Amino acid sequence: MFNAQNRIRQLMAERGWTIYRLAQESGLSQTTISNIFKRNNQPSLPTVNAICDACCKFRVQSSTCTGNEPHSHGDLAPPSRVRGPR
């Protein structure tokens, strides 16, 4: 079974983010993030999406997002649709 809290902690650790930083990057309140851990709450889908968006945004800014990661919101078209100059 997937454990959202563990995955969010892992993403935060990979980036060196605190709860405060994740809240800033995701646009969520610190209380929302804290409650995921302190109250053992499973985050809602909109909360998960905000966290995923924040993590991918960080990847793009760090130049490590390829556009193929889950929840990636890169603006790269699939290779079959990319056309070069004619």
PDB file of N, CA and C in Angstrom:
ATOM      1  N   MET A   1       0.838  -1.183   0.000  1.00  0.00           N
ATOM      2  CA  MET A   1       0.000   0.000   0.000  1.00  0.00           C
ATOM      3  C   MET A   1       0.884   1.248   0.000  1.00  0.00           C
ATOM      4  N   PHE A   2       0.509   2.218  -0.794  1.00  0.00           N
ATOM      5  CA  PHE A   2       1.267   3.455  -0.926  1.00  0.00           C
ATOM      6  C   PHE A   2       1.117   4.308   0.328  1.00  0.00           C
ATOM      7  N   ASN A   3       2.218   4.817   0.831  1.00  0.00           N
ATOM      8  CA  ASN A   3       2.198   5.673   2.007  1.00  0.00           C
ATOM      9  C   ASN A   3       2.607   7.075   1.578  1.00  0.00           C
ATOM     10  N   ALA A   4       1.625   7.963   1.480  1.00  0.00           N
ATOM     11  CA  ALA A   4       1.857   9.324   1.004  1.00  0.00           C
ATOM     12  C   ALA A   4       2.807  10.084   1.917  1.00  0.00           C
ATOM     13  N   GLN A   5       2.666   9.900   3.223  1.00  0.00           N
ATOM     14  CA  GLN A   5       3.534  10.618   4.153  1.00  0.00           C
ATOM     15  C   GLN A   5       5.004  10.281   3.915  1.00  0.00           C
ATOM     16  N   ASN A   6       5.313   9.005   3.752  1.00  0.00           N
ATOM     17  CA  ASN A   6       6.699   8.599   3.518  1.00  0.00           C
ATOM     18  C   ASN A   6       7.238   9.177   2.217  1.00  0.00           C
ATOM     19  N   ARG A   7       6.414   9.162   1.175  1.00  0.00           N
ATOM     20  CA  ARG A   7       6.859   9.689  -0.119  1.00  0.00           C
ATOM     21  C   ARG A   7       7.079  11.202  -0.045  1.00  0.00           C
ATOM     22  N   ILE A   8       6.202  11.909   0.637  1.00  0.00           N
ATOM     23  CA  ILE A   8       6.362  13.358   0.773  1.00  0.00           C
ATOM     24  C   ILE A   8       7.622  13.656   1.571  1.00  0.00           C
ATOM     25  N   ARG A   9       7.856  12.913   2.640  1.00  0.00           N
ATOM     26  CA  ARG A   9       9.095  13.091   3.421  1.00  0.00           C
ATOM     27  C   ARG A   9      10.329  12.831   2.561  1.00  0.00           C
ATOM     28  N   GLN A  10      10.261  11.811   1.723  1.00  0.00           N
ATOM     29  CA  GLN A  10      11.376  11.490   0.835  1.00  0.00           C
ATOM     30  C   GLN A  10      11.624  12.639  -0.140  1.00  0.00           C
ATOM     31  N   LEU A  11      10.571  13.170  -0.750  1.00  0.00           N
ATOM     32  CA  LEU A  11      10.718  14.289  -1.681  1.00  0.00           C
ATOM     33  C   LEU A  11      11.301  15.516  -0.987  1.00  0.00           C
ATOM     34  N   MET A  12      10.835  15.768   0.232  1.00  0.00           N
ATOM     35  CA  MET A  12      11.363  16.901   0.994  1.00  0.00           C
ATOM     36  C   MET A  12      12.851  16.698   1.293  1.00  0.00           C
ATOM     37  N   ALA A  13      13.221  15.495   1.696  1.00  0.00           N
ATOM     38  CA  ALA A  13      14.621  15.205   2.034  1.00  0.00           C
ATOM     39  C   ALA A  13      15.519  15.352   0.809  1.00  0.00           C
ATOM     40  N   GLU A  14      15.061  14.868  -0.349  1.00  0.00           N
ATOM     41  CA  GLU A  14      15.841  14.971  -1.585  1.00  0.00           C
ATOM     42  C   GLU A  14      16.142  16.426  -1.936  1.00  0.00           C
ATOM     43  N   ARG A  15      15.231  17.317  -1.572  1.00  0.00           N
ATOM     44  CA  ARG A  15      15.375  18.734  -1.914  1.00  0.00           C
ATOM     45  C   ARG A  15      15.926  19.570  -0.765  1.00  0.00           C
ATOM     46  N   GLY A  16      16.026  18.947   0.400  1.00  0.00           N
ATOM     47  CA  GLY A  16      16.475  19.685   1.571  1.00  0.00           C
ATOM     48  C   GLY A  16      15.427  20.680   2.064  1.00  0.00           C
ATOM     49  N   TRP A  17      14.152  20.356   1.835  1.00  0.00           N
ATOM     50  CA  TRP A  17      13.047  21.252   2.178  1.00  0.00           C
ATOM     51  C   TRP A  17      12.508  20.968   3.567  1.00  0.00           C
ATOM     52  N   THR A  18      12.116  22.019   4.242  1.00  0.00           N
ATOM     53  CA  THR A  18      11.380  21.925   5.495  1.00  0.00           C
ATOM     54  C   THR A  18       9.889  21.973   5.166  1.00  0.00           C
ATOM     55  N   ILE A  19       9.069  21.784   6.186  1.00  0.00           N
ATOM     56  CA  ILE A  19       7.621  21.932   5.997  1.00  0.00           C
ATOM     57  C   ILE A  19       7.313  23.340   5.515  1.00  0.00           C
ATOM     58  N   TYR A  20       7.994  24.319   6.081  1.00  0.00           N
ATOM     59  CA  TYR A  20       7.793  25.709   5.674  1.00  0.00           C
ATOM     60  C   TYR A  20       8.097  25.898   4.188  1.00  0.00           C
ATOM     61  N   ARG A  21       9.212  25.354   3.727  1.00  0.00           N
ATOM     62  CA  ARG A  21       9.595  25.509   2.314  1.00  0.00           C
ATOM     63  C   ARG A  21       8.616  24.798   1.389  1.00  0.00           C
ATOM     64  N   LEU A  22       8.185  23.595   1.760  1.00  0.00           N
ATOM     65  CA  LEU A  22       7.204  22.887   0.945  1.00  0.00           C
ATOM     66  C   LEU A  22       5.914  23.686   0.866  1.00  0.00           C
ATOM     67  N   ALA A  23       5.502  24.278   1.983  1.00  0.00           N
ATOM     68  CA  ALA A  23       4.293  25.112   1.981  1.00  0.00           C
ATOM     69  C   ALA A  23       4.467  26.291   1.030  1.00  0.00           C
ATOM     70  N   GLN A  24       5.608  26.953   1.074  1.00  0.00           N
ATOM     71  CA  GLN A  24       5.863  28.090   0.184  1.00  0.00           C
ATOM     72  C   GLN A  24       5.823  27.662  -1.276  1.00  0.00           C
ATOM     73  N   GLU A  25       6.507  26.590  -1.602  1.00  0.00           N
ATOM     74  CA  GLU A  25       6.619  26.140  -2.995  1.00  0.00           C
ATOM     75  C   GLU A  25       5.294  25.625  -3.547  1.00  0.00           C
ATOM     76  N   SER A  26       4.488  25.005  -2.692  1.00  0.00           N
ATOM     77  CA  SER A  26       3.239  24.379  -3.151  1.00  0.00           C
ATOM     78  C   SER A  26       2.032  25.303  -3.071  1.00  0.00           C
ATOM     79  N   GLY A  27       2.169  26.408  -2.317  1.00  0.00           N
ATOM     80  CA  GLY A  27       1.021  27.294  -2.123  1.00  0.00           C
ATOM     81  C   GLY A  27       0.045  26.772  -1.082  1.00  0.00           C
ATOM     82  N   LEU A  28       0.446  25.754  -0.340  1.00  0.00           N
ATOM     83  CA  LEU A  28      -0.384  25.204   0.725  1.00  0.00           C
ATOM     84  C   LEU A  28       0.021  25.839   2.051  1.00  0.00           C
ATOM     85  N   SER A  29      -0.847  25.752   3.036  1.00  0.00           N
ATOM     86  CA  SER A  29      -0.505  26.292   4.345  1.00  0.00           C
ATOM     87  C   SER A  29       0.416  25.315   5.076  1.00  0.00           C
ATOM     88  N   GLN A  30       1.210  25.870   5.995  1.00  0.00           N
ATOM     89  CA  GLN A  30       2.058  25.015   6.829  1.00  0.00           C
ATOM     90  C   GLN A  30       1.208  24.055   7.636  1.00  0.00           C
ATOM     91  N   THR A  31       0.045  24.506   8.055  1.00  0.00           N
ATOM     92  CA  THR A  31      -0.858  23.654   8.832  1.00  0.00           C
ATOM     93  C   THR A  31      -1.273  22.431   8.022  1.00  0.00           C
ATOM     94  N   THR A  32      -1.587  22.634   6.756  1.00  0.00           N
ATOM     95  CA  THR A  32      -1.983  21.513   5.894  1.00  0.00           C
ATOM     96  C   THR A  32      -0.865  20.489   5.803  1.00  0.00           C
ATOM     97  N   ILE A  33       0.346  20.970   5.566  1.00  0.00           N
ATOM     98  CA  ILE A  33       1.496  20.057   5.453  1.00  0.00           C
ATOM     99  C   ILE A  33       1.763  19.373   6.796  1.00  0.00           C
ATOM    100  N   SER A  34       1.757  20.146   7.870  1.00  0.00           N
ATOM    101  CA  SER A  34       2.016  19.580   9.198  1.00  0.00           C
ATOM    102  C   SER A  34       1.003  18.515   9.569  1.00  0.00           C
ATOM    103  N   ASN A  35      -0.267  18.746   9.234  1.00  0.00           N
ATOM    104  CA  ASN A  35      -1.310  17.784   9.578  1.00  0.00           C
ATOM    105  C   ASN A  35      -1.148  16.450   8.858  1.00  0.00           C
ATOM    106  N   ILE A  36      -0.531  16.474   7.694  1.00  0.00           N
ATOM    107  CA  ILE A  36      -0.263  15.213   6.991  1.00  0.00           C
ATOM    108  C   ILE A  36       0.591  14.311   7.870  1.00  0.00           C
ATOM    109  N   PHE A  37       1.554  14.910   8.574  1.00  0.00           N
ATOM    110  CA  PHE A  37       2.486  14.138   9.384  1.00  0.00           C
ATOM    111  C   PHE A  37       2.018  13.973  10.826  1.00  0.00           C
ATOM    112  N   LYS A  38       1.602  15.059  11.454  1.00  0.00           N
ATOM    113  CA  LYS A  38       1.270  15.017  12.880  1.00  0.00           C
ATOM    114  C   LYS A  38      -0.023  14.264  13.170  1.00  0.00           C
ATOM    115  N   ARG A  39      -0.992  14.400  12.314  1.00  0.00           N
ATOM    116  CA  ARG A  39      -2.283  13.735  12.543  1.00  0.00           C
ATOM    117  C   ARG A  39      -2.423  12.468  11.711  1.00  0.00           C
ATOM    118  N   ASN A  40      -1.358  12.125  10.991  1.00  0.00           N
ATOM    119  CA  ASN A  40      -1.380  10.946  10.134  1.00  0.00           C
ATOM    120  C   ASN A  40      -2.511  11.010   9.112  1.00  0.00           C
ATOM    121  N   ASN A  41      -2.786  12.229   8.635  1.00  0.00           N
ATOM    122  CA  ASN A  41      -3.837  12.427   7.630  1.00  0.00           C
ATOM    123  C   ASN A  41      -3.330  12.035   6.252  1.00  0.00           C
ATOM    124  N   GLN A  42      -4.179  11.372   5.493  1.00  0.00           N
ATOM    125  CA  GLN A  42      -3.882  11.143   4.094  1.00  0.00           C
ATOM    126  C   GLN A  42      -4.243  12.427   3.346  1.00  0.00           C
ATOM    127  N   PRO A  43      -3.331  12.971   2.542  1.00  0.00           N
ATOM    128  CA  PRO A  43      -3.633  14.216   1.847  1.00  0.00           C
ATOM    129  C   PRO A  43      -4.695  14.014   0.778  1.00  0.00           C
ATOM    130  N   SER A  44      -5.457  15.075   0.544  1.00  0.00           N
ATOM    131  CA  SER A  44      -6.474  15.040  -0.503  1.00  0.00           C
ATOM    132  C   SER A  44      -5.786  15.084  -1.865  1.00  0.00           C
ATOM    133  N   LEU A  45      -6.526  14.770  -2.912  1.00  0.00           N
ATOM    134  CA  LEU A  45      -5.971  14.794  -4.258  1.00  0.00           C
ATOM    135  C   LEU A  45      -5.471  16.192  -4.636  1.00  0.00           C
ATOM    136  N   PRO A  46      -6.218  17.273  -4.355  1.00  0.00           N
ATOM    137  CA  PRO A  46      -5.684  18.605  -4.667  1.00  0.00           C
ATOM    138  C   PRO A  46      -4.378  18.916  -3.913  1.00  0.00           C
ATOM    139  N   THR A  47      -4.275  18.428  -2.679  1.00  0.00           N
ATOM    140  CA  THR A  47      -3.037  18.633  -1.912  1.00  0.00           C
ATOM    141  C   THR A  47      -1.888  17.863  -2.545  1.00  0.00           C
ATOM    142  N   VAL A  48      -2.122  16.629  -2.920  1.00  0.00           N
ATOM    143  CA  VAL A  48      -1.088  15.825  -3.581  1.00  0.00           C
ATOM    144  C   VAL A  48      -0.666  16.494  -4.884  1.00  0.00           C
ATOM    145  N   ASN A  49      -1.613  16.974  -5.655  1.00  0.00           N
ATOM    146  CA  ASN A  49      -1.293  17.637  -6.921  1.00  0.00           C
ATOM    147  C   ASN A  49      -0.440  18.880  -6.698  1.00  0.00           C
ATOM    148  N   ALA A  50      -0.769  19.675  -5.678  1.00  0.00           N
ATOM    149  CA  ALA A  50       0.015  20.878  -5.377  1.00  0.00           C
ATOM    150  C   ALA A  50       1.442  20.512  -4.993  1.00  0.00           C
ATOM    151  N   ILE A  51       1.601  19.451  -4.223  1.00  0.00           N
ATOM    152  CA  ILE A  51       2.935  19.006  -3.818  1.00  0.00           C
ATOM    153  C   ILE A  51       3.715  18.495  -5.029  1.00  0.00           C
ATOM    154  N   CYS A  52       3.054  17.721  -5.879  1.00  0.00           N
ATOM    155  CA  CYS A  52       3.712  17.209  -7.091  1.00  0.00           C
ATOM    156  C   CYS A  52       4.127  18.347  -8.015  1.00  0.00           C
ATOM    157  N   ASP A  53       3.257  19.329  -8.176  1.00  0.00           N
ATOM    158  CA  ASP A  53       3.586  20.484  -9.010  1.00  0.00           C
ATOM    159  C   ASP A  53       4.795  21.221  -8.456  1.00  0.00           C
ATOM    160  N   ALA A  54       4.842  21.408  -7.144  1.00  0.00           N
ATOM    161  CA  ALA A  54       5.962  22.112  -6.510  1.00  0.00           C
ATOM    162  C   ALA A  54       7.259  21.332  -6.718  1.00  0.00           C
ATOM    163  N   CYS A  55       7.206  20.025  -6.595  1.00  0.00           N
ATOM    164  CA  CYS A  55       8.413  19.212  -6.745  1.00  0.00           C
ATOM    165  C   CYS A  55       8.906  19.213  -8.186  1.00  0.00           C
ATOM    166  N   CYS A  56       7.996  19.158  -9.150  1.00  0.00           N
ATOM    167  CA  CYS A  56       8.404  19.193 -10.554  1.00  0.00           C
ATOM    168  C   CYS A  56       8.927  20.580 -10.906  1.00  0.00           C
ATOM    169  N   LYS A  57       8.311  21.625 -10.372  1.00  0.00           N
ATOM    170  CA  LYS A  57       8.786  22.987 -10.618  1.00  0.00           C
ATOM    171  C   LYS A  57      10.230  23.106 -10.154  1.00  0.00           C
ATOM    172  N   PHE A  58      10.531  22.510  -9.015  1.00  0.00           N
ATOM    173  CA  PHE A  58      11.891  22.521  -8.492  1.00  0.00           C
ATOM    174  C   PHE A  58      12.819  21.776  -9.447  1.00  0.00           C
ATOM    175  N   ARG A  59      12.360  20.658  -9.989  1.00  0.00           N
ATOM    176  CA  ARG A  59      13.173  19.890 -10.928  1.00  0.00           C
ATOM    177  C   ARG A  59      13.465  20.711 -12.181  1.00  0.00           C
ATOM    178  N   VAL A  60      12.444  21.399 -12.692  1.00  0.00           N
ATOM    179  CA  VAL A  60      12.632  22.207 -13.892  1.00  0.00           C
ATOM    180  C   VAL A  60      13.645  23.304 -13.615  1.00  0.00           C
ATOM    181  N   GLN A  61      13.531  23.961 -12.472  1.00  0.00           N
ATOM    182  CA  GLN A  61      14.466  25.023 -12.119  1.00  0.00           C
ATOM    183  C   GLN A  61      15.866  24.466 -11.907  1.00  0.00           C
ATOM    184  N   SER A  62      15.959  23.220 -11.511  1.00  0.00           N
ATOM    185  CA  SER A  62      17.260  22.583 -11.288  1.00  0.00           C
ATOM    186  C   SER A  62      17.780  21.914 -12.557  1.00  0.00           C
ATOM    187  N   SER A  63      17.018  22.004 -13.638  1.00  0.00           N
ATOM    188  CA  SER A  63      17.380  21.414 -14.936  1.00  0.00           C
ATOM    189  C   SER A  63      17.515  19.904 -14.883  1.00  0.00           C
ATOM    190  N   THR A  64      16.723  19.241 -14.040  1.00  0.00           N
ATOM    191  CA  THR A  64      16.777  17.784 -13.985  1.00  0.00           C
ATOM    192  C   THR A  64      15.455  17.151 -14.378  1.00  0.00           C
ATOM    193  N   CYS A  65      14.446  17.937 -14.669  1.00  0.00           N
ATOM    194  CA  CYS A  65      13.141  17.407 -15.064  1.00  0.00           C
ATOM    195  C   CYS A  65      13.182  17.107 -16.553  1.00  0.00           C
ATOM    196  N   THR A  66      12.923  15.877 -16.939  1.00  0.00           N
ATOM    197  CA  THR A  66      12.984  15.501 -18.348  1.00  0.00           C
ATOM    198  C   THR A  66      11.642  15.632 -19.038  1.00  0.00           C
ATOM    199  N   GLY A  67      10.580  15.828 -18.258  1.00  0.00           N
ATOM    200  CA  GLY A  67       9.251  15.869 -18.838  1.00  0.00           C
ATOM    201  C   GLY A  67       8.588  14.510 -18.868  1.00  0.00           C
ATOM    202  N   ASN A  68       9.313  13.467 -18.445  1.00  0.00           N
ATOM    203  CA  ASN A  68       8.770  12.113 -18.474  1.00  0.00           C
ATOM    204  C   ASN A  68       8.425  11.577 -17.101  1.00  0.00           C
ATOM    205  N   GLU A  69       8.712  12.337 -16.039  1.00  0.00           N
ATOM    206  CA  GLU A  69       8.427  11.875 -14.690  1.00  0.00           C
ATOM    207  C   GLU A  69       6.923  11.882 -14.444  1.00  0.00           C
ATOM    208  N   PRO A  70       6.456  11.007 -13.540  1.00  0.00           N
ATOM    209  CA  PRO A  70       5.043  11.076 -13.161  1.00  0.00           C
ATOM    210  C   PRO A  70       4.744  12.458 -12.595  1.00  0.00           C
ATOM    211  N   HIS A  71       3.611  12.995 -12.910  1.00  0.00           N
ATOM    212  CA  HIS A  71       3.153  14.306 -12.470  1.00  0.00           C
ATOM    213  C   HIS A  71       3.984  15.435 -13.065  1.00  0.00           C
ATOM    214  N   SER A  72       4.772  15.134 -14.093  1.00  0.00           N
ATOM    215  CA  SER A  72       5.565  16.176 -14.714  1.00  0.00           C
ATOM    216  C   SER A  72       4.651  17.066 -15.533  1.00  0.00           C
ATOM    217  N   HIS A  73       4.877  18.340 -15.426  1.00  0.00           N
ATOM    218  CA  HIS A  73       4.065  19.287 -16.177  1.00  0.00           C
ATOM    219  C   HIS A  73       4.937  20.059 -17.145  1.00  0.00           C
ATOM    220  N   GLY A  74       5.969  19.379 -17.661  1.00  0.00           N
ATOM    221  CA  GLY A  74       6.838  20.003 -18.646  1.00  0.00           C
ATOM    222  C   GLY A  74       6.063  20.274 -19.919  1.00  0.00           C
ATOM    223  N   ASP A  75       6.516  21.234 -20.687  1.00  0.00           N
ATOM    224  CA  ASP A  75       5.781  21.576 -21.900  1.00  0.00           C
ATOM    225  C   ASP A  75       6.404  20.905 -23.107  1.00  0.00           C
ATOM    226  N   LEU A  76       7.059  19.771 -22.906  1.00  0.00           N
ATOM    227  CA  LEU A  76       7.656  19.038 -24.005  1.00  0.00           C
ATOM    228  C   LEU A  76       6.617  18.152 -24.659  1.00  0.00           C
ATOM    229  N   ALA A  77       6.534  18.231 -25.942  1.00  0.00           N
ATOM    230  CA  ALA A  77       5.629  17.354 -26.677  1.00  0.00           C
ATOM    231  C   ALA A  77       6.266  15.977 -26.777  1.00  0.00           C
ATOM    232  N   PRO A  78       5.447  14.927 -26.929  1.00  0.00           N
ATOM    233  CA  PRO A  78       6.031  13.597 -27.130  1.00  0.00           C
ATOM    234  C   PRO A  78       6.940  13.613 -28.350  1.00  0.00           C
ATOM    235  N   PRO A  79       8.027  12.861 -28.344  1.00  0.00           N
ATOM    236  CA  PRO A  79       8.996  12.902 -29.446  1.00  0.00           C
ATOM    237  C   PRO A  79       8.369  12.685 -30.820  1.00  0.00           C
ATOM    238  N   SER A  80       7.319  11.903 -30.929  1.00  0.00           N
ATOM    239  CA  SER A  80       6.702  11.647 -32.218  1.00  0.00           C
ATOM    240  C   SER A  80       6.023  12.890 -32.789  1.00  0.00           C
ATOM    241  N   ARG A  81       5.762  13.881 -31.968  1.00  0.00           N
ATOM    242  CA  ARG A  81       5.096  15.095 -32.424  1.00  0.00           C
ATOM    243  C   ARG A  81       6.052  16.274 -32.594  1.00  0.00           C
ATOM    244  N   VAL A  82       7.298  16.079 -32.238  1.00  0.00           N
ATOM    245  CA  VAL A  82       8.271  17.158 -32.363  1.00  0.00           C
ATOM    246  C   VAL A  82       8.787  17.179 -33.793  1.00  0.00           C
ATOM    247  N   ARG A  83       8.709  18.337 -34.403  1.00  0.00           N
ATOM    248  CA  ARG A  83       9.197  18.466 -35.794  1.00  0.00           C
ATOM    249  C   ARG A  83      10.328  19.479 -35.843  1.00  0.00           C
ATOM    250  N   GLY A  84      11.297  19.155 -36.608  1.00  0.00           N
ATOM    251  CA  GLY A  84      12.424  20.064 -36.798  1.00  0.00           C
ATOM    252  C   GLY A  84      12.122  21.044 -37.923  1.00  0.00           C
ATOM    253  N   PRO A  85      13.055  21.948 -38.195  1.00  0.00           N
ATOM    254  CA  PRO A  85      12.872  22.900 -39.286  1.00  0.00           C
ATOM    255  C   PRO A  85      12.766  22.181 -40.622  1.00  0.00           C
ATOM    256  N   ARG A  86      12.018  22.745 -41.525  1.00  0.00           N
ATOM    257  CA  ARG A  86      11.862  22.119 -42.858  1.00  0.00           C
ATOM    258  C   ARG A  86      12.772  22.752 -43.846  1.00  0.00           C
TER     259      ARG A  86
END
